[in-house]
Amino acid sequence: MTSRPKGKVYADFWEFPGGKLETGETVSQALTRELQEEVGIVPTQIEPWRQEKVDYPHALVLLHFCKVTSWTGELKMHEGQQFAWQQLPVLVSPVLPGTVPVLRWLAEERIFTGATYLVAN
């Protein structure tokens, strides 16, 4: 997971990296571009997974979630953000609201019960 950089909406909240689709891009193309720009890796295997609409105070967004199961390169944060490999329950906080459904889906796949993340104080 990565933290959102300073200067962006929800700065310092933790999420799965990715970003906006540019005109004419597929989800896989956008994810590849965003991962290169944000964290310095090139995905070599992307599996489309799920979609979720999230109504943030500033925008209603349709999020496309994919599983990246193979990549090249080394993780290097290009936007001043932090990263942390996590297991359930996620220990980094606060968690971006759009990330909460993903944690629930991962818990369901793993038959994990209990809280999937810590609630920020």
Protein backbone atom coordinates (compact mmCIF):
# COMPACT_ATOMS: atom_id res chain seq x y z
CA MET A 1 0.00 0.00 0.00
CA THR A 2 1.10 3.58 -0.52
CA SER A 3 0.26 6.82 1.21
CA ARG A 4 -1.23 9.64 -0.80
CA PRO A 5 1.30 12.43 -1.40
CA LYS A 6 1.16 15.86 0.19
CA GLY A 7 -0.89 18.30 -1.86
CA LYS A 8 -3.43 15.70 -3.07
CA VAL A 9 -6.94 15.20 -1.75
CA TYR A 10 -6.76 12.81 1.23
CA ALA A 11 -3.00 13.35 1.62
CA ASP A 12 -1.38 10.77 3.93
CA PHE A 13 -4.28 8.31 3.62
CA TRP A 14 -3.23 4.77 2.62
CA GLU A 15 -4.44 3.15 -0.59
CA PHE A 16 -3.50 0.74 -3.33
CA PRO A 17 -1.55 2.65 -5.99
CA GLY A 18 -3.15 3.52 -9.29
CA GLY A 19 -4.86 6.52 -10.78
CA LYS A 20 -7.06 8.16 -13.36
CA LEU A 21 -7.69 6.86 -16.85
CA GLU A 22 -6.59 9.25 -19.57
CA THR A 23 -8.68 9.66 -22.71
CA GLY A 24 -8.43 6.54 -24.88
CA GLU A 25 -6.64 4.39 -22.27
CA THR A 26 -7.78 0.98 -21.15
CA VAL A 27 -7.73 0.15 -17.43
CA SER A 28 -4.58 -1.95 -17.93
CA GLN A 29 -2.82 0.82 -19.85
CA ALA A 30 -3.72 3.40 -17.19
CA LEU A 31 -2.56 1.13 -14.37
CA THR A 32 0.72 0.43 -16.15
CA ARG A 33 1.34 4.17 -16.69
CA GLU A 34 0.36 5.09 -13.13
CA LEU A 35 2.51 2.40 -11.50
CA GLN A 36 5.52 3.49 -13.56
CA GLU A 37 4.94 7.16 -12.66
CA GLU A 38 4.12 6.63 -8.98
CA VAL A 39 6.16 3.67 -7.78
CA GLY A 40 8.63 2.80 -10.55
CA ILE A 41 7.43 -0.68 -11.52
CA VAL A 42 6.13 -2.08 -14.80
CA PRO A 43 3.37 -4.65 -14.36
CA THR A 44 3.79 -7.71 -16.59
CA GLN A 45 0.61 -9.49 -15.47
CA ILE A 46 -2.58 -7.60 -14.68
CA GLU A 47 -5.83 -9.36 -13.79
CA PRO A 48 -8.96 -7.19 -13.84
CA TRP A 49 -10.78 -7.90 -10.59
CA ARG A 50 -13.66 -5.69 -9.39
CA GLN A 51 -15.25 -2.26 -9.69
CA GLU A 52 -16.70 -0.02 -7.02
CA LYS A 53 -18.36 3.40 -7.06
CA VAL A 54 -17.19 5.61 -4.22
CA ASP A 55 -18.89 8.89 -3.39
CA TYR A 56 -16.20 11.17 -1.98
CA PRO A 57 -17.11 14.70 -0.84
CA HIS A 58 -15.25 16.11 -3.87
CA ALA A 59 -16.27 13.55 -6.55
CA LEU A 60 -18.19 10.39 -7.39
CA VAL A 61 -15.64 7.97 -8.83
CA LEU A 62 -15.82 4.54 -10.45
CA LEU A 63 -12.77 2.59 -9.31
CA HIS A 64 -11.43 -0.35 -11.32
CA PHE A 65 -9.40 -2.74 -9.20
CA CYS A 66 -6.87 -5.13 -10.69
CA LYS A 67 -4.48 -7.64 -9.22
CA VAL A 68 -0.89 -7.20 -10.36
CA THR A 69 0.73 -10.60 -9.94
CA SER A 70 4.00 -9.96 -11.75
CA TRP A 71 6.14 -6.90 -12.46
CA THR A 72 9.61 -5.71 -13.31
CA GLY A 73 11.58 -2.99 -11.61
CA GLU A 74 12.14 -1.98 -8.02
CA LEU A 75 9.69 -0.07 -5.88
CA LYS A 76 10.74 3.56 -5.71
CA MET A 77 8.35 6.22 -4.53
CA HIS A 78 8.37 9.03 -7.13
CA GLU A 79 5.84 11.34 -5.45
CA GLY A 80 7.22 11.55 -1.92
CA GLN A 81 4.77 8.99 -0.64
CA GLN A 82 5.49 6.02 1.64
CA PHE A 83 4.87 2.35 0.95
CA ALA A 84 4.32 -0.62 3.22
CA TRP A 85 3.69 -4.29 2.45
CA GLN A 86 0.64 -5.27 4.49
CA GLN A 87 -1.34 -8.31 5.59
CA LEU A 88 -4.83 -8.35 7.08
CA PRO A 89 -5.53 -6.54 9.27
CA VAL A 90 -3.78 -3.59 7.65
CA LEU A 91 -1.75 -1.73 10.27
CA VAL A 92 -1.16 1.54 8.39
CA SER A 93 -3.68 4.30 8.89
CA PRO A 94 -5.75 6.17 8.01
CA VAL A 95 -7.09 4.03 5.16
CA LEU A 96 -8.65 5.80 2.17
CA PRO A 97 -12.43 5.14 2.05
CA GLY A 98 -12.14 3.68 -1.47
CA THR A 99 -9.69 1.09 -0.13
CA VAL A 100 -12.06 -0.29 2.50
CA PRO A 101 -14.10 -2.43 0.04
CA VAL A 102 -10.87 -3.92 -1.34
CA LEU A 103 -9.80 -5.00 2.12
CA ARG A 104 -13.22 -6.62 2.64
CA TRP A 105 -12.93 -8.49 -0.68
CA LEU A 106 -9.45 -9.72 0.20
CA ALA A 107 -10.74 -10.87 3.60
CA GLU A 108 -13.58 -12.77 1.92
CA GLU A 109 -11.16 -14.51 -0.46
CA ARG A 110 -8.93 -15.55 2.43
CA ILE A 111 -11.80 -16.42 4.79
CA PHE A 112 -10.38 -13.83 7.16
CA THR A 113 -12.69 -12.67 9.95
CA GLY A 114 -12.36 -9.59 12.07
CA ALA A 115 -11.39 -6.02 11.38
CA THR A 116 -9.51 -5.55 8.10
CA TYR A 117 -7.85 -2.25 9.12
CA LEU A 118 -7.23 -0.02 12.11
CA VAL A 119 -9.50 2.95 12.62
CA ALA A 120 -7.50 6.18 12.84
CA ASN A 121 -7.83 8.08 16.10
